[in-house]
Amino acid sequence: MEFRFTEEQLMIQDMAASFVDEVSTSEAVRAAMLSDKGYDEETWQRITQELCWQALTIDEEAGGLGLGYVELVALLEQAGRKLLCSPFFGTACLALSALKQCPVSPAKQTAIEAILAGQTATLVHTDSAGRWDDSAQLPCIKSGALEGIASHVVNGDSAEWLVVAARENDALVLLLVSPACPQVKRRALTTMDQTRRLGGIQFNQLPLEAAHRLCEGELAERILAACLELARIGAAADMVGVAQQALDSSVGYIQERVQFGRTIASFQAVKHKCADVMLKLESSRSSLYYAACIADEYLANHASMAALQEAASIANAYASEAAFFAAGVGIQLHGGVGITSEYDIQLYFKRARALEAYLGLPHWHRERLASMLLEGDVA
């Protein structure tokens, strides 16, 4: 596959880079981390009203821009590069990915109209321990009411709409829930990465109606599986942005730091470190945009689930290792001050470490790829 950005995609990428450089400064990130919602509401309004990022992948017939996953990944990479604190990932990469694949229904229409209007949403796909795999004990539906706990939900403490994966008699059901109901209790979790807020949600006998249901059964299973793969690609985009900025900020620092009468950027060993980071970064970026192209093909019914899984695991494994390596090397190049709160490189290290564990560590992805190869289930 030969990938090359179109003029429109380059314009979107440049616009996103300029915007995050403006609104996601070091001071803005630190202020957002301490805010009630974990993001600046004025910045989110600019994202939704001026730039219409939330409408990027929504079909034009529904009032969106009708663009694809490659464009979404380009935005996510730039957001990750500056640690943009916003509900964009949860809304556009998680909730909207699920909604777009669901059949037409009043609940789907309500949610998409709300997102277009600038409201936030997220996907609830974990249990009380934060598990997302087959062993997860998801919230369940009993006697027409939803009960259970979900933990480590992206923006779960502040999202205005929840797309909830729940079990009903061993069948998976996707629901649209408003957390404004008194039967829904939420709280922000204390996590290592404060730049991306995670929440815990408890459903206490929340009454459900037919209008809450988006889909169920095998269709719901297939949609949720695809959403997790798309989320892995989105997380990989974030990590590529993290790796890029970790490298850029480290290069900027070593060009100014003087030791033994010369900048430490002139030392060969330091150059080798930066070259190693650059190699991992470019490899991860190549795998990322390959995966984004496969995502577009899957959503257009031109690629299989196996192809999507393969691409997502390759992209996530490469990107997570690149981000963690770049941030780790960045701390080393900054010296003892790198891990202190005064320098931003420690924030990138924490984001890289947190995203590395999101939806599968690198070794989990490699084991899955190995199993697919041995079983002949690869693209």
Protein backbone atom coordinates (compact mmCIF):
# COMPACT_ATOMS: atom_id res chain seq x y z
CA MET A 1 0.00 0.00 0.00
CA GLU A 2 1.38 3.40 -0.99
CA PHE A 3 0.11 6.09 1.33
CA ARG A 4 0.32 9.79 0.60
CA PHE A 5 -1.66 12.64 2.17
CA THR A 6 -4.04 14.52 -0.09
CA GLU A 7 -4.02 18.31 -0.12
CA GLU A 8 -7.20 18.30 1.96
CA GLN A 9 -5.66 15.97 4.55
CA LEU A 10 -2.53 18.11 4.77
CA MET A 11 -4.70 21.16 5.30
CA ILE A 12 -6.61 19.40 8.10
CA GLN A 13 -3.34 18.31 9.71
CA ASP A 14 -1.82 21.80 9.52
CA MET A 15 -4.98 23.39 10.89
CA ALA A 16 -5.06 20.94 13.80
CA ALA A 17 -1.37 21.52 14.56
CA SER A 18 -1.83 25.29 14.64
CA PHE A 19 -4.92 25.04 16.83
CA VAL A 20 -3.41 22.75 19.47
CA ASP A 21 -0.24 24.84 19.55
CA GLU A 22 -2.46 27.79 20.43
CA VAL A 23 -4.84 26.27 22.99
CA SER A 24 -2.85 23.39 24.51
CA THR A 25 0.16 25.16 25.94
CA SER A 26 1.92 23.82 29.00
CA GLU A 27 0.00 26.24 31.21
CA ALA A 28 -3.34 25.30 29.62
CA VAL A 29 -2.71 21.57 30.07
CA ARG A 30 -1.82 22.00 33.73
CA ALA A 31 -4.89 24.14 34.35
CA ALA A 32 -7.17 21.61 32.63
CA MET A 33 -5.71 18.77 34.71
CA LEU A 34 -6.89 20.50 37.88
CA SER A 35 -10.34 21.49 36.59
CA ASP A 36 -13.57 19.75 37.59
CA LYS A 37 -14.08 18.04 34.22
CA GLY A 38 -10.46 17.55 33.25
CA TYR A 39 -10.71 19.83 30.23
CA ASP A 40 -11.40 23.45 29.36
CA GLU A 41 -15.03 23.88 28.31
CA GLU A 42 -14.29 26.99 26.24
CA THR A 43 -11.69 25.09 24.22
CA TRP A 44 -14.16 22.25 23.67
CA GLN A 45 -16.74 24.73 22.40
CA ARG A 46 -14.20 26.07 19.92
CA ILE A 47 -13.45 22.51 18.78
CA THR A 48 -17.11 21.74 18.18
CA GLN A 49 -18.43 25.11 16.99
CA GLU A 50 -15.52 26.60 15.04
CA LEU A 51 -13.63 23.52 13.82
CA CYS A 52 -16.42 20.88 13.90
CA TRP A 53 -13.98 18.09 14.75
CA GLN A 54 -16.79 16.05 16.30
CA ALA A 55 -18.57 16.03 12.92
CA LEU A 56 -15.55 14.82 10.99
CA THR A 57 -16.63 11.21 10.41
CA ILE A 58 -20.40 11.73 10.53
CA ASP A 59 -22.06 11.28 7.14
CA GLU A 60 -22.93 14.42 5.22
CA GLU A 61 -26.58 13.31 5.06
CA ALA A 62 -26.67 13.44 8.85
CA GLY A 63 -25.09 16.88 9.02
CA GLY A 64 -21.43 15.86 9.32
CA LEU A 65 -18.36 16.36 7.16
CA GLY A 66 -18.32 12.83 5.73
CA LEU A 67 -14.56 12.28 6.09
CA GLY A 68 -12.77 9.10 7.11
CA TYR A 69 -10.58 7.51 9.74
CA VAL A 70 -7.34 8.76 8.19
CA GLU A 71 -8.45 12.33 8.83
CA LEU A 72 -9.55 11.43 12.36
CA VAL A 73 -6.17 9.84 13.06
CA ALA A 74 -4.41 12.97 11.80
CA LEU A 75 -6.36 15.04 14.35
CA LEU A 76 -5.69 12.57 17.16
CA GLU A 77 -1.96 12.61 16.42
CA GLN A 78 -1.83 16.39 16.73
CA ALA A 79 -3.95 16.30 19.90
CA GLY A 80 -1.55 13.77 21.43
CA ARG A 81 1.45 15.86 20.41
CA LYS A 82 0.33 18.65 22.73
CA LEU A 83 -1.50 16.52 25.33
CA LEU A 84 -4.77 18.23 24.47
CA CYS A 85 -7.12 17.76 27.42
CA SER A 86 -10.53 17.26 25.82
CA PRO A 87 -13.34 14.70 25.51
CA PHE A 88 -12.58 14.35 21.79
CA PHE A 89 -11.20 10.80 21.99
CA GLY A 90 -14.14 9.51 24.01
CA THR A 91 -16.70 11.28 21.83
CA ALA A 92 -15.35 10.82 18.30
CA CYS A 93 -13.22 7.70 18.60
CA LEU A 94 -15.26 5.64 21.07
CA ALA A 95 -18.93 6.64 21.24
CA LEU A 96 -19.28 7.79 17.65
CA SER A 97 -17.53 4.70 16.28
CA ALA A 98 -20.20 2.59 17.96
CA LEU A 99 -23.12 4.80 16.98
CA LYS A 100 -22.17 4.92 13.30
CA GLN A 101 -22.26 1.13 13.04
CA CYS A 102 -25.60 0.73 14.83
CA PRO A 103 -28.80 0.40 12.80
CA VAL A 104 -31.06 3.42 12.40
CA SER A 105 -33.07 4.09 15.57
CA PRO A 106 -34.41 7.04 17.58
CA ALA A 107 -31.62 6.52 20.14
CA LYS A 108 -28.93 6.69 17.46
CA GLN A 109 -30.46 9.81 15.94
CA THR A 110 -30.70 11.49 19.34
CA ALA A 111 -27.07 10.77 20.15
CA ILE A 112 -25.66 11.90 16.79
CA GLU A 113 -27.67 15.13 16.90
CA ALA A 114 -26.38 15.77 20.43
CA ILE A 115 -22.78 15.19 19.36
CA LEU A 116 -23.20 17.48 16.36
CA ALA A 117 -24.51 20.14 18.76
CA GLY A 118 -21.29 19.88 20.77
CA GLN A 119 -22.32 17.53 23.57
CA THR A 120 -19.86 14.92 24.81
CA ALA A 121 -20.18 11.14 24.84
CA THR A 122 -18.15 8.05 25.58
CA LEU A 123 -18.29 4.26 25.35
CA VAL A 124 -18.71 2.22 28.54
CA HIS A 125 -17.14 -1.16 27.77
CA THR A 126 -15.41 -2.18 31.02
CA ASP A 127 -16.35 -3.80 34.32
CA SER A 128 -15.66 -2.78 37.90
CA ALA A 129 -12.01 -3.82 37.58
CA GLY A 130 -11.50 -2.02 34.28
CA ARG A 131 -11.43 -5.27 32.29
CA TRP A 132 -12.48 -5.03 28.64
CA ASP A 133 -11.82 -8.56 27.35
CA ASP A 134 -14.00 -11.68 27.36
CA SER A 135 -13.55 -12.06 31.12
CA ALA A 136 -15.15 -8.69 31.84
CA GLN A 137 -18.23 -8.74 34.07
CA LEU A 138 -20.11 -5.97 32.28
CA PRO A 139 -23.13 -4.19 33.80
CA CYS A 140 -26.21 -6.35 33.38
CA ILE A 141 -29.89 -5.89 32.64
CA LYS A 142 -32.24 -7.55 35.14
CA SER A 143 -35.99 -7.12 35.19
CA GLY A 144 -35.76 -4.24 32.76
CA ALA A 145 -33.21 -2.27 34.80
CA LEU A 146 -29.47 -1.70 34.36
CA GLU A 147 -27.16 -2.39 37.27
CA GLY A 148 -23.43 -2.80 37.73
CA ILE A 149 -20.18 -0.87 37.85
CA ALA A 150 -17.80 0.19 35.09
CA SER A 151 -14.34 1.53 35.87
CA HIS A 152 -11.60 3.33 33.91
CA VAL A 153 -14.08 4.82 31.45
CA VAL A 154 -12.55 7.56 29.28
CA ASN A 155 -14.19 10.84 30.38
CA GLY A 156 -16.71 8.69 32.21
CA ASP A 157 -17.14 11.24 34.98
CA SER A 158 -18.16 14.11 32.68
CA ALA A 159 -19.58 12.73 29.39
CA GLU A 160 -23.13 13.90 28.68
CA TRP A 161 -24.11 10.65 26.90
CA LEU A 162 -23.05 7.07 27.55
CA VAL A 163 -23.06 4.25 25.01
CA VAL A 164 -23.13 1.29 27.40
CA ALA A 165 -22.19 -2.31 26.65
CA ALA A 166 -24.28 -4.51 28.96
CA ARG A 167 -25.29 -8.15 29.29
CA GLU A 168 -28.84 -9.46 29.23
CA ASN A 169 -29.23 -13.23 29.56
CA ASP A 170 -25.68 -13.75 28.20
CA ALA A 171 -26.43 -11.57 25.15
CA LEU A 172 -24.62 -8.28 24.60
CA VAL A 173 -26.76 -5.15 24.36
CA LEU A 174 -25.64 -1.65 23.40
CA LEU A 175 -27.60 1.08 25.15
CA LEU A 176 -27.76 4.86 25.01
CA VAL A 177 -27.97 6.25 28.54
CA SER A 178 -28.11 9.77 29.92
CA PRO A 179 -25.99 9.96 33.09
CA ALA A 180 -28.20 12.78 34.38
CA CYS A 181 -30.51 10.11 35.84
CA PRO A 182 -30.35 9.81 39.66
CA GLN A 183 -29.73 6.06 39.30
CA VAL A 184 -26.32 6.81 37.71
CA LYS A 185 -23.46 7.68 40.06
CA ARG A 186 -20.11 8.85 38.70
CA ARG A 187 -16.73 9.92 40.02
CA ALA A 188 -13.32 10.85 38.67
CA LEU A 189 -10.55 8.33 39.31
CA THR A 190 -7.07 9.15 40.53
CA THR A 191 -4.73 7.91 37.82
CA MET A 192 -1.10 8.31 36.82
CA ASP A 193 -1.95 10.26 33.67
CA GLN A 194 -3.90 13.31 34.76
CA THR A 195 -4.09 14.71 31.22
CA ARG A 196 -6.75 12.15 30.25
CA ARG A 197 -9.52 11.80 32.81
CA LEU A 198 -10.90 8.35 33.60
CA GLY A 199 -14.09 7.83 35.55
CA GLY A 200 -15.98 5.20 37.49
CA ILE A 201 -19.70 4.72 36.83
CA GLN A 202 -22.28 2.88 38.92
CA PHE A 203 -25.74 1.98 37.62
CA ASN A 204 -28.28 1.45 40.41
CA GLN A 205 -31.39 -0.18 38.98
CA LEU A 206 -31.65 2.28 36.10
CA PRO A 207 -35.03 1.66 34.40
CA LEU A 208 -34.69 0.97 30.69
CA GLU A 209 -37.11 1.47 27.84
CA ALA A 210 -37.04 0.25 24.26
CA ALA A 211 -35.82 3.69 23.20
CA HIS A 212 -32.56 3.13 25.11
CA ARG A 213 -31.55 0.16 22.95
CA LEU A 214 -29.19 0.65 20.02
CA CYS A 215 -28.70 -3.00 19.08
CA GLU A 216 -28.15 -6.42 20.62
CA GLY A 217 -26.92 -9.96 20.04
CA GLU A 218 -24.35 -10.81 17.37
CA LEU A 219 -24.58 -7.37 15.81
CA ALA A 220 -23.74 -5.73 19.13
CA GLU A 221 -20.81 -8.14 19.62
CA ARG A 222 -19.46 -7.30 16.17
CA ILE A 223 -19.85 -3.55 16.68
CA LEU A 224 -18.16 -3.59 20.07
CA ALA A 225 -15.28 -5.68 18.74
CA ALA A 226 -14.77 -3.23 15.87
CA CYS A 227 -14.97 -0.26 18.24
CA LEU A 228 -12.14 -1.64 20.37
CA GLU A 229 -9.96 -2.12 17.29
CA LEU A 230 -10.71 1.41 16.10
CA ALA A 231 -9.95 2.71 19.60
CA ARG A 232 -6.58 0.95 19.50
CA ILE A 233 -5.76 2.74 16.27
CA GLY A 234 -6.91 6.04 17.77
CA ALA A 235 -4.74 5.45 20.84
CA ALA A 236 -1.80 4.64 18.54
CA ALA A 237 -2.30 8.03 16.87
CA ASP A 238 -2.17 9.72 20.26
CA MET A 239 1.04 7.85 21.12
CA VAL A 240 2.70 8.79 17.83
CA GLY A 241 1.99 12.42 18.70
CA VAL A 242 3.42 11.87 22.18
CA ALA A 243 6.59 10.34 20.72
CA GLN A 244 6.99 13.21 18.26
CA GLN A 245 6.75 15.92 20.90
CA ALA A 246 8.94 13.98 23.35
CA LEU A 247 11.63 13.92 20.69
CA ASP A 248 11.13 17.57 19.65
CA SER A 249 11.24 18.90 23.21
CA SER A 250 14.28 16.78 24.06
CA VAL A 251 16.16 18.00 20.99
CA GLY A 252 15.30 21.57 21.93
CA TYR A 253 16.62 21.02 25.44
CA ILE A 254 19.92 19.37 24.47
CA GLN A 255 20.62 22.14 21.97
CA GLU A 256 20.58 24.61 24.86
CA ARG A 257 22.15 22.57 27.66
CA VAL A 258 25.91 23.23 27.86
CA GLN A 259 28.35 20.76 29.40
CA PHE A 260 32.15 20.77 29.16
CA GLY A 261 32.01 23.95 27.15
CA ARG A 262 29.70 22.67 24.41
CA THR A 263 26.02 21.78 23.98
CA ILE A 264 25.26 18.18 24.82
CA ALA A 265 23.55 17.88 21.42
CA SER A 266 27.04 17.75 19.92
CA PHE A 267 27.96 14.51 21.70
CA GLN A 268 27.82 11.42 19.53
CA ALA A 269 26.16 9.25 22.20
CA VAL A 270 23.35 11.78 22.55
CA LYS A 271 22.88 11.90 18.78
CA HIS A 272 22.59 8.11 18.71
CA LYS A 273 19.84 8.24 21.33
CA CYS A 274 17.86 10.73 19.28
CA ALA A 275 18.38 8.69 16.12
CA ASP A 276 17.03 5.58 17.86
CA VAL A 277 13.91 7.50 18.89
CA MET A 278 13.46 8.83 15.35
CA LEU A 279 13.65 5.31 13.91
CA LYS A 280 10.96 3.99 16.25
CA LEU A 281 8.81 7.07 15.67
CA GLU A 282 8.80 6.83 11.88
CA SER A 283 8.15 3.08 11.97
CA SER A 284 5.18 3.62 14.27
CA ARG A 285 3.81 6.44 12.09
CA SER A 286 3.96 4.22 9.00
CA SER A 287 2.09 1.41 10.75
CA LEU A 288 -0.43 3.92 12.14
CA TYR A 289 -1.54 5.31 8.79
CA TYR A 290 -1.60 1.85 7.27
CA ALA A 291 -3.98 0.87 10.07
CA ALA A 292 -6.07 4.00 9.47
CA CYS A 293 -6.45 3.04 5.80
CA ILE A 294 -7.52 -0.47 6.81
CA ALA A 295 -10.04 1.08 9.24
CA ASP A 296 -11.57 3.08 6.39
CA GLU A 297 -11.74 -0.05 4.26
CA TYR A 298 -13.38 -2.01 7.09
CA LEU A 299 -16.00 0.67 7.67
CA ALA A 300 -16.72 0.62 3.93
CA ASN A 301 -17.10 -3.20 4.07
CA HIS A 302 -13.98 -3.70 1.93
CA ALA A 303 -11.79 -5.31 4.62
CA SER A 304 -12.35 -8.14 7.10
CA MET A 305 -12.32 -8.05 10.88
CA ALA A 306 -9.11 -10.10 10.79
CA ALA A 307 -7.43 -7.42 8.67
CA LEU A 308 -8.59 -4.73 11.09
CA GLN A 309 -7.34 -6.68 14.10
CA GLU A 310 -3.98 -7.29 12.47
CA ALA A 311 -3.49 -3.64 11.52
CA ALA A 312 -4.64 -2.39 14.93
CA SER A 313 -2.25 -4.68 16.82
CA ILE A 314 0.70 -3.76 14.60
CA ALA A 315 0.01 -0.03 14.98
CA ASN A 316 -0.59 -0.20 18.72
CA ALA A 317 2.46 -2.35 19.47
CA TYR A 318 4.77 -0.10 17.47
CA ALA A 319 3.30 3.16 18.75
CA SER A 320 3.20 2.20 22.43
CA GLU A 321 6.83 1.15 22.43
CA ALA A 322 7.87 4.25 20.47
CA ALA A 323 6.03 6.61 22.83
CA PHE A 324 7.37 5.00 25.99
CA PHE A 325 10.90 4.83 24.58
CA ALA A 326 10.81 8.44 23.34
CA ALA A 327 9.52 9.77 26.66
CA GLY A 328 11.98 7.65 28.64
CA VAL A 329 14.92 8.81 26.54
CA GLY A 330 13.61 12.36 26.86
CA ILE A 331 13.77 12.15 30.65
CA GLN A 332 17.33 10.81 30.43
CA LEU A 333 18.39 13.62 28.10
CA HIS A 334 16.84 16.19 30.42
CA GLY A 335 18.87 14.77 33.27
CA GLY A 336 17.64 14.84 36.86
CA VAL A 337 15.18 17.66 36.20
CA GLY A 338 13.27 15.61 33.59
CA ILE A 339 11.10 13.85 36.13
CA THR A 340 10.27 17.00 38.10
CA SER A 341 6.91 18.72 37.75
CA GLU A 342 8.46 21.87 36.27
CA TYR A 343 9.23 20.09 33.00
CA ASP A 344 6.60 18.75 30.61
CA ILE A 345 8.53 15.64 29.57
CA GLN A 346 7.27 13.83 32.68
CA LEU A 347 3.68 14.45 31.52
CA TYR A 348 4.49 12.75 28.21
CA PHE A 349 6.08 9.86 30.06
CA LYS A 350 2.90 9.37 32.11
CA ARG A 351 0.65 9.60 29.04
CA ALA A 352 2.84 7.08 27.21
CA ARG A 353 2.81 4.68 30.15
CA ALA A 354 -0.97 4.94 30.58
CA LEU A 355 -1.75 4.46 26.87
CA GLU A 356 0.69 1.55 26.67
CA ALA A 357 -1.68 -0.43 28.90
CA TYR A 358 -4.86 0.77 27.18
CA LEU A 359 -6.63 -2.14 25.43
CA GLY A 360 -3.59 -4.39 25.51
CA LEU A 361 0.11 -4.17 26.28
CA PRO A 362 2.61 -4.65 23.41
CA HIS A 363 3.21 -8.28 24.32
CA TRP A 364 -0.57 -8.93 24.21
CA HIS A 365 -0.71 -7.56 20.66
CA ARG A 366 2.29 -9.63 19.59
CA GLU A 367 0.76 -12.77 21.04
CA ARG A 368 -2.46 -12.06 19.17
CA LEU A 369 -0.56 -11.50 15.92
CA ALA A 370 1.36 -14.72 16.47
CA SER A 371 -1.87 -16.64 17.05
CA MET A 372 -3.37 -15.18 13.89
CA LEU A 373 -0.30 -16.16 11.89
CA LEU A 374 -0.24 -19.69 13.24
CA GLU A 375 -3.94 -20.13 12.61
CA GLY A 376 -3.69 -18.56 9.15
CA ASP A 377 -6.19 -15.84 10.08
CA VAL A 378 -4.30 -12.83 8.71
CA ALA A 379 -4.94 -10.42 5.89
